[in-house]
Amino acid sequence: MRLSKDYWLVCQTSKGRFPNTRDRGFARVYRDFGNIYDCTFEQWWIDQGAYIFHEETEAPKVREVEGNYRSFERQRQREGKILIEIPIALTKRTVQNQVGKILKRYEEQRPANVLETSTSRYPINPVRYQLQTLQRMHEVWCLHRELILKPLALGVKPDPRQEKNDLFRIGKVLNLNYAYARPYEDEFEMRSNQRKMRVIVSRYLRRANQLIANVERGLFPVYENVQLAEPRFSRSQVESHGSLEEAWWHTDLFSKLTTKSAADAKRMYCSFYSLA
């Protein structure tokens, strides 16, 4: 969320819990998350995060049900079994197969997605991402912003042929795929490897932008394109953002996970030009 320029603008122009945007969904996210740029994640989590992400009820668990049998006959019938009538003499595979058949009969009554049972304001699906993948996306996005988008936004006229080379260099310094960054034997292999590396970097950038666009709506992690029904800011709000443009590009967005690796990559990246 810290990578969202729109969210940064709202944090800079809003007072208290009154978000300066006409996008109601975006305003709701701001009221819940607040200004995330003036504190550490740990401080934010203690103050707000734990509250808005907590589950109101404990997630259901499979557990053994102890029987309380009043009659001897009922007790005798239950010997060697546990609820739900699973004979303990069966193999694990047999039990799984037979329980699976029983559950299949109730397929329509069971939630299709674990998030359907969540009571959190902002459910997170842990099977949709891996920390290492998110870290890579963050590194690629931050380097692309710092080394390519930032100079362009601040008035540095780019070489039209440079962007393709820059995408390859970002992939190389972050070692996204060693096979495409290793020394090449001929020009054909060089061009082929550079193209493949650019595809990898572009894919990371696209998915990072999808994550950012969806987290602005309070959804994470979601890899889908977002189309706003109407502009998020009014004309007067957009005009007030003009004076903040340069401040945005000088804002440090590197996280604890990406700071060192991204800084090392930036030094390696800049060395390409010093050696050129």
C-alpha atoms as a PDB file:
ATOM      1  CA  MET A   1       0.000   0.000   0.000  1.00  0.00           C
ATOM      2  CA  ARG A   2       2.926   2.361   0.629  1.00  0.00           C
ATOM      3  CA  LEU A   3       3.729   2.068  -3.092  1.00  0.00           C
ATOM      4  CA  SER A   4       0.382   3.655  -4.034  1.00  0.00           C
ATOM      5  CA  LYS A   5       0.846   7.224  -5.171  1.00  0.00           C
ATOM      6  CA  ASP A   6      -2.871   7.961  -4.770  1.00  0.00           C
ATOM      7  CA  TYR A   7      -2.788   6.722  -1.180  1.00  0.00           C
ATOM      8  CA  TRP A   8       0.281   8.832  -0.463  1.00  0.00           C
ATOM      9  CA  LEU A   9      -1.529  11.902  -1.835  1.00  0.00           C
ATOM     10  CA  VAL A  10      -4.555  11.226   0.353  1.00  0.00           C
ATOM     11  CA  CYS A  11      -2.319  10.897   3.411  1.00  0.00           C
ATOM     12  CA  GLN A  12      -0.634  14.223   2.618  1.00  0.00           C
ATOM     13  CA  THR A  13      -3.850  16.198   1.979  1.00  0.00           C
ATOM     14  CA  SER A  14      -6.312  14.707   4.483  1.00  0.00           C
ATOM     15  CA  LYS A  15      -6.968  15.880   8.024  1.00  0.00           C
ATOM     16  CA  GLY A  16      -7.630  13.327  10.717  1.00  0.00           C
ATOM     17  CA  ARG A  17     -10.127  10.714   9.608  1.00  0.00           C
ATOM     18  CA  PHE A  18     -11.553  12.846   6.791  1.00  0.00           C
ATOM     19  CA  PRO A  19     -10.034  11.542   3.530  1.00  0.00           C
ATOM     20  CA  ASN A  20      -9.586  14.047   0.733  1.00  0.00           C
ATOM     21  CA  THR A  21     -11.045  11.910  -2.064  1.00  0.00           C
ATOM     22  CA  ARG A  22     -14.448  11.330  -3.574  1.00  0.00           C
ATOM     23  CA  ASP A  23     -13.853   7.602  -4.045  1.00  0.00           C
ATOM     24  CA  ARG A  24     -15.897   6.038  -1.217  1.00  0.00           C
ATOM     25  CA  GLY A  25     -14.084   2.713  -1.268  1.00  0.00           C
ATOM     26  CA  PHE A  26     -10.714   4.448  -1.206  1.00  0.00           C
ATOM     27  CA  ALA A  27     -11.946   6.677   1.634  1.00  0.00           C
ATOM     28  CA  ARG A  28     -13.001   3.608   3.631  1.00  0.00           C
ATOM     29  CA  VAL A  29      -9.533   2.098   3.277  1.00  0.00           C
ATOM     30  CA  TYR A  30      -7.936   5.370   4.442  1.00  0.00           C
ATOM     31  CA  ARG A  31     -10.178   5.598   7.511  1.00  0.00           C
ATOM     32  CA  ASP A  32      -9.177   2.060   8.482  1.00  0.00           C
ATOM     33  CA  PHE A  33      -5.455   2.191   7.656  1.00  0.00           C
ATOM     34  CA  GLY A  34      -4.668   5.850   8.338  1.00  0.00           C
ATOM     35  CA  ASN A  35      -1.348   7.498   7.509  1.00  0.00           C
ATOM     36  CA  ILE A  36       1.044   4.600   6.980  1.00  0.00           C
ATOM     37  CA  TYR A  37       4.022   6.805   6.078  1.00  0.00           C
ATOM     38  CA  ASP A  38       4.658   8.350   9.504  1.00  0.00           C
ATOM     39  CA  CYS A  39       5.279   5.153  11.449  1.00  0.00           C
ATOM     40  CA  THR A  40       6.889   1.744  11.247  1.00  0.00           C
ATOM     41  CA  PHE A  41       4.856  -1.315  10.337  1.00  0.00           C
ATOM     42  CA  GLU A  42       5.199  -2.603  13.890  1.00  0.00           C
ATOM     43  CA  GLN A  43       3.783   0.638  15.329  1.00  0.00           C
ATOM     44  CA  TRP A  44       0.966   0.671  12.776  1.00  0.00           C
ATOM     45  CA  TRP A  45       0.085  -2.970  13.490  1.00  0.00           C
ATOM     46  CA  ILE A  46      -0.214  -2.346  17.232  1.00  0.00           C
ATOM     47  CA  ASP A  47      -2.274   0.818  16.770  1.00  0.00           C
ATOM     48  CA  GLN A  48      -4.555  -0.232  13.905  1.00  0.00           C
ATOM     49  CA  GLY A  49      -3.552  -3.329  11.970  1.00  0.00           C
ATOM     50  CA  ALA A  50      -4.320  -5.952  14.601  1.00  0.00           C
ATOM     51  CA  TYR A  51      -7.817  -4.508  15.026  1.00  0.00           C
ATOM     52  CA  ILE A  52      -8.853  -4.365  11.370  1.00  0.00           C
ATOM     53  CA  PHE A  53      -7.359  -7.748  10.460  1.00  0.00           C
ATOM     54  CA  HIS A  54      -8.510  -9.771  13.465  1.00  0.00           C
ATOM     55  CA  GLU A  55     -11.015 -12.572  13.067  1.00  0.00           C
ATOM     56  CA  GLU A  56     -14.092 -12.209  15.261  1.00  0.00           C
ATOM     57  CA  THR A  57     -14.497 -15.955  15.648  1.00  0.00           C
ATOM     58  CA  GLU A  58     -11.959 -18.762  15.842  1.00  0.00           C
ATOM     59  CA  ALA A  59     -11.566 -20.738  12.634  1.00  0.00           C
ATOM     60  CA  PRO A  60     -13.229 -24.169  12.758  1.00  0.00           C
ATOM     61  CA  LYS A  61     -10.968 -27.112  13.565  1.00  0.00           C
ATOM     62  CA  VAL A  62     -11.293 -30.831  13.170  1.00  0.00           C
ATOM     63  CA  ARG A  63     -11.224 -32.432  16.590  1.00  0.00           C
ATOM     64  CA  GLU A  64     -12.224 -35.625  18.244  1.00  0.00           C
ATOM     65  CA  VAL A  65     -15.585 -35.565  20.005  1.00  0.00           C
ATOM     66  CA  GLU A  66     -15.625 -37.429  23.301  1.00  0.00           C
ATOM     67  CA  GLY A  67     -18.726 -39.601  23.701  1.00  0.00           C
ATOM     68  CA  ASN A  68     -20.795 -39.685  26.871  1.00  0.00           C
ATOM     69  CA  TYR A  69     -22.769 -42.904  26.557  1.00  0.00           C
ATOM     70  CA  ARG A  70     -25.448 -43.706  29.134  1.00  0.00           C
ATOM     71  CA  SER A  71     -26.283 -47.189  27.921  1.00  0.00           C
ATOM     72  CA  PHE A  72     -23.948 -50.161  27.827  1.00  0.00           C
ATOM     73  CA  GLU A  73     -25.201 -51.079  24.337  1.00  0.00           C
ATOM     74  CA  ARG A  74     -24.421 -47.614  22.983  1.00  0.00           C
ATOM     75  CA  GLN A  75     -20.971 -47.750  24.559  1.00  0.00           C
ATOM     76  CA  ARG A  76     -20.320 -51.177  23.079  1.00  0.00           C
ATOM     77  CA  GLN A  77     -21.274 -49.910  19.590  1.00  0.00           C
ATOM     78  CA  ARG A  78     -18.736 -47.105  19.925  1.00  0.00           C
ATOM     79  CA  GLU A  79     -15.809 -49.301  20.936  1.00  0.00           C
ATOM     80  CA  GLY A  80     -12.905 -49.014  18.520  1.00  0.00           C
ATOM     81  CA  LYS A  81     -14.400 -45.939  16.804  1.00  0.00           C
ATOM     82  CA  ILE A  82     -14.207 -42.180  17.040  1.00  0.00           C
ATOM     83  CA  LEU A  83     -16.760 -39.672  15.869  1.00  0.00           C
ATOM     84  CA  ILE A  84     -17.516 -39.356  12.951  1.00  0.00           C
ATOM     85  CA  GLU A  85     -17.774 -43.110  13.054  1.00  0.00           C
ATOM     86  CA  ILE A  86     -14.225 -43.703  11.803  1.00  0.00           C
ATOM     87  CA  PRO A  87     -13.001 -47.193  12.749  1.00  0.00           C
ATOM     88  CA  ILE A  88      -9.452 -46.792  14.004  1.00  0.00           C
ATOM     89  CA  ALA A  89      -8.480 -50.140  12.450  1.00  0.00           C
ATOM     90  CA  LEU A  90      -8.747 -48.678   8.920  1.00  0.00           C
ATOM     91  CA  THR A  91      -5.712 -47.368   7.084  1.00  0.00           C
ATOM     92  CA  LYS A  92      -5.237 -43.631   6.716  1.00  0.00           C
ATOM     93  CA  ARG A  93      -5.741 -43.817   2.952  1.00  0.00           C
ATOM     94  CA  THR A  94      -9.015 -45.728   3.340  1.00  0.00           C
ATOM     95  CA  VAL A  95     -10.277 -43.232   5.932  1.00  0.00           C
ATOM     96  CA  GLN A  96      -9.398 -40.276   3.671  1.00  0.00           C
ATOM     97  CA  ASN A  97     -11.138 -41.867   0.678  1.00  0.00           C
ATOM     98  CA  GLN A  98     -14.306 -42.705   2.578  1.00  0.00           C
ATOM     99  CA  VAL A  99     -14.510 -39.337   4.374  1.00  0.00           C
ATOM    100  CA  GLY A 100     -13.945 -37.640   1.034  1.00  0.00           C
ATOM    101  CA  LYS A 101     -16.951 -39.437  -0.441  1.00  0.00           C
ATOM    102  CA  ILE A 102     -19.117 -38.336   2.487  1.00  0.00           C
ATOM    103  CA  LEU A 103     -17.987 -34.707   2.176  1.00  0.00           C
ATOM    104  CA  LYS A 104     -18.631 -34.757  -1.563  1.00  0.00           C
ATOM    105  CA  ARG A 105     -22.341 -35.189  -0.886  1.00  0.00           C
ATOM    106  CA  TYR A 106     -22.280 -31.853   0.949  1.00  0.00           C
ATOM    107  CA  GLU A 107     -20.154 -30.040  -1.642  1.00  0.00           C
ATOM    108  CA  GLU A 108     -22.777 -27.363  -2.365  1.00  0.00           C
ATOM    109  CA  GLN A 109     -23.078 -26.496   1.323  1.00  0.00           C
ATOM    110  CA  ARG A 110     -19.354 -26.068   1.859  1.00  0.00           C
ATOM    111  CA  PRO A 111     -17.600 -22.737   1.127  1.00  0.00           C
ATOM    112  CA  ALA A 112     -15.731 -22.722  -2.169  1.00  0.00           C
ATOM    113  CA  ASN A 113     -13.117 -20.326  -0.794  1.00  0.00           C
ATOM    114  CA  VAL A 114     -11.644 -20.161   2.695  1.00  0.00           C
ATOM    115  CA  LEU A 115     -12.158 -16.383   2.597  1.00  0.00           C
ATOM    116  CA  GLU A 116     -15.934 -16.928   2.672  1.00  0.00           C
ATOM    117  CA  THR A 117     -15.623 -17.984   6.313  1.00  0.00           C
ATOM    118  CA  SER A 118     -13.443 -15.019   7.310  1.00  0.00           C
ATOM    119  CA  THR A 119     -14.887 -12.338   9.586  1.00  0.00           C
ATOM    120  CA  SER A 120     -11.953  -9.931   9.167  1.00  0.00           C
ATOM    121  CA  ARG A 121     -12.534  -6.549   7.538  1.00  0.00           C
ATOM    122  CA  TYR A 122      -9.676  -7.308   5.172  1.00  0.00           C
ATOM    123  CA  PRO A 123      -9.364 -11.072   4.587  1.00  0.00           C
ATOM    124  CA  ILE A 124      -6.006 -12.257   3.269  1.00  0.00           C
ATOM    125  CA  ASN A 125      -5.724 -15.451   1.259  1.00  0.00           C
ATOM    126  CA  PRO A 126      -2.361 -16.975   2.267  1.00  0.00           C
ATOM    127  CA  VAL A 127      -2.334 -19.471  -0.612  1.00  0.00           C
ATOM    128  CA  ARG A 128      -2.253 -16.695  -3.226  1.00  0.00           C
ATOM    129  CA  TYR A 129       1.270 -15.490  -2.581  1.00  0.00           C
ATOM    130  CA  GLN A 130       4.703 -16.304  -1.239  1.00  0.00           C
ATOM    131  CA  LEU A 131       6.792 -13.833   0.708  1.00  0.00           C
ATOM    132  CA  GLN A 132       9.773 -14.287  -1.611  1.00  0.00           C
ATOM    133  CA  THR A 133       7.610 -13.523  -4.656  1.00  0.00           C
ATOM    134  CA  LEU A 134       6.224 -10.367  -3.045  1.00  0.00           C
ATOM    135  CA  GLN A 135       9.747  -9.307  -2.136  1.00  0.00           C
ATOM    136  CA  ARG A 136      10.892  -9.697  -5.737  1.00  0.00           C
ATOM    137  CA  MET A 137       7.926  -7.670  -7.006  1.00  0.00           C
ATOM    138  CA  HIS A 138       8.681  -4.962  -4.462  1.00  0.00           C
ATOM    139  CA  GLU A 139      12.357  -4.810  -5.461  1.00  0.00           C
ATOM    140  CA  VAL A 140      11.590  -4.654  -9.188  1.00  0.00           C
ATOM    141  CA  TRP A 141       8.876  -2.031  -8.770  1.00  0.00           C
ATOM    142  CA  CYS A 142      10.975   0.204  -6.491  1.00  0.00           C
ATOM    143  CA  LEU A 143      14.047   0.033  -8.731  1.00  0.00           C
ATOM    144  CA  HIS A 144      11.969   0.745 -11.832  1.00  0.00           C
ATOM    145  CA  ARG A 145      10.413   3.756 -10.090  1.00  0.00           C
ATOM    146  CA  GLU A 146      13.715   5.044  -8.724  1.00  0.00           C
ATOM    147  CA  LEU A 147      15.900   4.510 -11.784  1.00  0.00           C
ATOM    148  CA  ILE A 148      13.513   4.941 -14.713  1.00  0.00           C
ATOM    149  CA  LEU A 149      10.234   6.644 -13.790  1.00  0.00           C
ATOM    150  CA  LYS A 150      11.700   9.168 -11.349  1.00  0.00           C
ATOM    151  CA  PRO A 151      14.197  10.813 -13.768  1.00  0.00           C
ATOM    152  CA  LEU A 152      11.466  10.961 -16.401  1.00  0.00           C
ATOM    153  CA  ALA A 153       8.993  12.591 -13.998  1.00  0.00           C
ATOM    154  CA  LEU A 154      11.583  15.141 -12.863  1.00  0.00           C
ATOM    155  CA  GLY A 155      12.292  16.280 -16.396  1.00  0.00           C
ATOM    156  CA  VAL A 156      15.239  14.162 -17.525  1.00  0.00           C
ATOM    157  CA  LYS A 157      14.785  13.487 -21.222  1.00  0.00           C
ATOM    158  CA  PRO A 158      15.243   9.755 -21.792  1.00  0.00           C
ATOM    159  CA  ASP A 159      16.888   8.033 -24.701  1.00  0.00           C
ATOM    160  CA  PRO A 160      14.031   6.305 -26.626  1.00  0.00           C
ATOM    161  CA  ARG A 161      16.166   3.147 -26.889  1.00  0.00           C
ATOM    162  CA  GLN A 162      17.206   3.190 -23.254  1.00  0.00           C
ATOM    163  CA  GLU A 163      14.094   1.791 -21.560  1.00  0.00           C
ATOM    164  CA  LYS A 164      14.505  -1.698 -23.045  1.00  0.00           C
ATOM    165  CA  ASN A 165      18.128  -1.799 -21.912  1.00  0.00           C
ATOM    166  CA  ASP A 166      17.130  -0.556 -18.463  1.00  0.00           C
ATOM    167  CA  LEU A 167      14.549  -3.305 -18.024  1.00  0.00           C
ATOM    168  CA  PHE A 168      17.208  -5.883 -18.838  1.00  0.00           C
ATOM    169  CA  ARG A 169      19.668  -4.299 -16.398  1.00  0.00           C
ATOM    170  CA  ILE A 170      17.116  -4.341 -13.569  1.00  0.00           C
ATOM    171  CA  GLY A 171      16.585  -8.042 -14.135  1.00  0.00           C
ATOM    172  CA  LYS A 172      20.332  -8.638 -14.264  1.00  0.00           C
ATOM    173  CA  VAL A 173      21.286  -6.721 -11.126  1.00  0.00           C
ATOM    174  CA  LEU A 174      18.463  -8.394  -9.177  1.00  0.00           C
ATOM    175  CA  ASN A 175      19.486 -11.781 -10.641  1.00  0.00           C
ATOM    176  CA  LEU A 176      15.912 -12.642 -11.609  1.00  0.00           C
ATOM    177  CA  ASN A 177      17.182 -15.344 -13.951  1.00  0.00           C
ATOM    178  CA  TYR A 178      20.854 -16.232 -14.076  1.00  0.00           C
ATOM    179  CA  ALA A 179      20.499 -18.108 -17.384  1.00  0.00           C
ATOM    180  CA  TYR A 180      19.578 -14.870 -19.178  1.00  0.00           C
ATOM    181  CA  ALA A 181      22.208 -12.736 -17.420  1.00  0.00           C
ATOM    182  CA  ARG A 182      25.267 -14.939 -17.934  1.00  0.00           C
ATOM    183  CA  PRO A 183      27.889 -14.096 -20.589  1.00  0.00           C
ATOM    184  CA  TYR A 184      26.655 -14.760 -24.117  1.00  0.00           C
ATOM    185  CA  GLU A 185      28.456 -16.392 -27.018  1.00  0.00           C
ATOM    186  CA  ASP A 186      27.053 -14.408 -29.942  1.00  0.00           C
ATOM    187  CA  GLU A 187      24.836 -11.436 -30.694  1.00  0.00           C
ATOM    188  CA  PHE A 188      21.776 -13.576 -31.412  1.00  0.00           C
ATOM    189  CA  GLU A 189      21.984 -15.188 -27.974  1.00  0.00           C
ATOM    190  CA  MET A 190      22.539 -11.786 -26.393  1.00  0.00           C
ATOM    191  CA  ARG A 191      19.413 -10.296 -27.966  1.00  0.00           C
ATOM    192  CA  SER A 192      17.365 -13.386 -27.147  1.00  0.00           C
ATOM    193  CA  ASN A 193      18.429 -13.410 -23.496  1.00  0.00           C
ATOM    194  CA  GLN A 194      17.841  -9.684 -23.108  1.00  0.00           C
ATOM    195  CA  ARG A 195      14.341 -10.021 -24.553  1.00  0.00           C
ATOM    196  CA  LYS A 196      13.513 -12.903 -22.209  1.00  0.00           C
ATOM    197  CA  MET A 197      14.807 -10.954 -19.204  1.00  0.00           C
ATOM    198  CA  ARG A 198      12.721  -7.927 -20.192  1.00  0.00           C
ATOM    199  CA  VAL A 199       9.650 -10.161 -20.312  1.00  0.00           C
ATOM    200  CA  ILE A 200      10.347 -11.371 -16.756  1.00  0.00           C
ATOM    201  CA  VAL A 201      10.834  -7.831 -15.433  1.00  0.00           C
ATOM    202  CA  SER A 202       7.719  -6.594 -17.231  1.00  0.00           C
ATOM    203  CA  ARG A 203       5.704  -9.444 -15.712  1.00  0.00           C
ATOM    204  CA  TYR A 204       6.878  -8.520 -12.216  1.00  0.00           C
ATOM    205  CA  LEU A 205       5.994  -4.874 -12.847  1.00  0.00           C
ATOM    206  CA  ARG A 206       2.539  -5.744 -14.192  1.00  0.00           C
ATOM    207  CA  ARG A 207       1.689  -7.954 -11.233  1.00  0.00           C
ATOM    208  CA  ALA A 208       3.047  -5.409  -8.740  1.00  0.00           C
ATOM    209  CA  ASN A 209       0.863  -2.718 -10.300  1.00  0.00           C
ATOM    210  CA  GLN A 210      -2.132  -5.054 -10.084  1.00  0.00           C
ATOM    211  CA  LEU A 211      -1.423  -5.641  -6.388  1.00  0.00           C
ATOM    212  CA  ILE A 212      -1.160  -1.894  -5.762  1.00  0.00           C
ATOM    213  CA  ALA A 213      -4.380  -1.110  -7.631  1.00  0.00           C
ATOM    214  CA  ASN A 214      -6.307  -3.755  -5.692  1.00  0.00           C
ATOM    215  CA  VAL A 215      -4.860  -2.930  -2.285  1.00  0.00           C
ATOM    216  CA  GLU A 216      -6.202   0.586  -2.854  1.00  0.00           C
ATOM    217  CA  ARG A 217      -9.621  -1.095  -2.755  1.00  0.00           C
ATOM    218  CA  GLY A 218      -8.740  -3.070   0.375  1.00  0.00           C
ATOM    219  CA  LEU A 219      -8.168  -6.351  -1.488  1.00  0.00           C
ATOM    220  CA  PHE A 220      -4.920  -8.309  -1.127  1.00  0.00           C
ATOM    221  CA  PRO A 221      -3.411 -10.177  -2.764  1.00  0.00           C
ATOM    222  CA  VAL A 222      -5.419  -9.839  -5.988  1.00  0.00           C
ATOM    223  CA  TYR A 223      -3.828  -9.979  -9.441  1.00  0.00           C
ATOM    224  CA  GLU A 224      -6.516  -8.310 -11.541  1.00  0.00           C
ATOM    225  CA  ASN A 225      -6.681  -5.127 -13.569  1.00  0.00           C
ATOM    226  CA  VAL A 226      -8.739  -2.343 -11.989  1.00  0.00           C
ATOM    227  CA  GLN A 227     -10.866   0.133 -13.902  1.00  0.00           C
ATOM    228  CA  LEU A 228     -12.182   3.061 -11.852  1.00  0.00           C
ATOM    229  CA  ALA A 229     -15.793   3.959 -12.622  1.00  0.00           C
ATOM    230  CA  GLU A 230     -14.960   7.655 -12.162  1.00  0.00           C
ATOM    231  CA  PRO A 231     -11.909   9.757 -11.262  1.00  0.00           C
ATOM    232  CA  ARG A 232     -10.749   9.297  -7.685  1.00  0.00           C
ATOM    233  CA  PHE A 233     -10.059  12.995  -7.145  1.00  0.00           C
ATOM    234  CA  SER A 234     -11.941  16.146  -8.060  1.00  0.00           C
ATOM    235  CA  ARG A 235     -10.359  18.850 -10.241  1.00  0.00           C
ATOM    236  CA  SER A 236      -9.535  21.007  -7.220  1.00  0.00           C
ATOM    237  CA  GLN A 237      -7.988  18.029  -5.442  1.00  0.00           C
ATOM    238  CA  VAL A 238      -5.842  17.238  -8.475  1.00  0.00           C
ATOM    239  CA  GLU A 239      -4.664  20.851  -8.590  1.00  0.00           C
ATOM    240  CA  SER A 240      -3.714  20.742  -4.920  1.00  0.00           C
ATOM    241  CA  HIS A 241      -1.624  17.629  -5.628  1.00  0.00           C
ATOM    242  CA  GLY A 242       0.591  19.518  -8.071  1.00  0.00           C
ATOM    243  CA  SER A 243       2.819  20.966  -5.370  1.00  0.00           C
ATOM    244  CA  LEU A 244       3.330  17.474  -3.914  1.00  0.00           C
ATOM    245  CA  GLU A 245       4.519  15.860  -7.132  1.00  0.00           C
ATOM    246  CA  GLU A 246       8.237  16.321  -6.517  1.00  0.00           C
ATOM    247  CA  ALA A 247       7.907  15.272  -2.868  1.00  0.00           C
ATOM    248  CA  TRP A 248       6.370  11.963  -3.979  1.00  0.00           C
ATOM    249  CA  TRP A 249       9.362  11.133  -6.162  1.00  0.00           C
ATOM    250  CA  HIS A 250      11.759  11.851  -3.288  1.00  0.00           C
ATOM    251  CA  THR A 251       9.816   9.626  -0.869  1.00  0.00           C
ATOM    252  CA  ASP A 252      11.723   6.504   0.166  1.00  0.00           C
ATOM    253  CA  LEU A 253       9.463   3.516  -0.452  1.00  0.00           C
ATOM    254  CA  PHE A 254      11.967   0.730   0.107  1.00  0.00           C
ATOM    255  CA  SER A 255      10.913  -1.693   2.831  1.00  0.00           C
ATOM    256  CA  LYS A 256      13.010  -3.563   5.384  1.00  0.00           C
ATOM    257  CA  LEU A 257      12.929  -6.589   3.106  1.00  0.00           C
ATOM    258  CA  THR A 258      14.085  -4.727   0.009  1.00  0.00           C
ATOM    259  CA  THR A 259      16.297  -1.904   1.289  1.00  0.00           C
ATOM    260  CA  LYS A 260      19.674  -3.672   1.217  1.00  0.00           C
ATOM    261  CA  SER A 261      19.182  -5.745  -1.923  1.00  0.00           C
ATOM    262  CA  ALA A 262      17.653  -2.825  -3.817  1.00  0.00           C
ATOM    263  CA  ALA A 263      20.426  -0.449  -2.700  1.00  0.00           C
ATOM    264  CA  ASP A 264      23.093  -2.940  -3.800  1.00  0.00           C
ATOM    265  CA  ALA A 265      21.289  -3.401  -7.104  1.00  0.00           C
ATOM    266  CA  LYS A 266      21.082   0.358  -7.604  1.00  0.00           C
ATOM    267  CA  ARG A 267      24.850   0.681  -7.194  1.00  0.00           C
ATOM    268  CA  MET A 268      25.409  -2.149  -9.672  1.00  0.00           C
ATOM    269  CA  TYR A 269      22.907  -0.589 -12.069  1.00  0.00           C
ATOM    270  CA  CYS A 270      24.634   2.798 -11.982  1.00  0.00           C
ATOM    271  CA  SER A 271      27.979   1.112 -12.620  1.00  0.00           C
ATOM    272  CA  PHE A 272      26.733   0.149 -16.074  1.00  0.00           C
ATOM    273  CA  TYR A 273      26.765   3.820 -17.017  1.00  0.00           C
ATOM    274  CA  SER A 274      30.020   4.707 -15.274  1.00  0.00           C
ATOM    275  CA  LEU A 275      31.739   1.945 -17.271  1.00  0.00           C
ATOM    276  CA  ALA A 276      30.023   2.891 -20.540  1.00  0.00           C
END
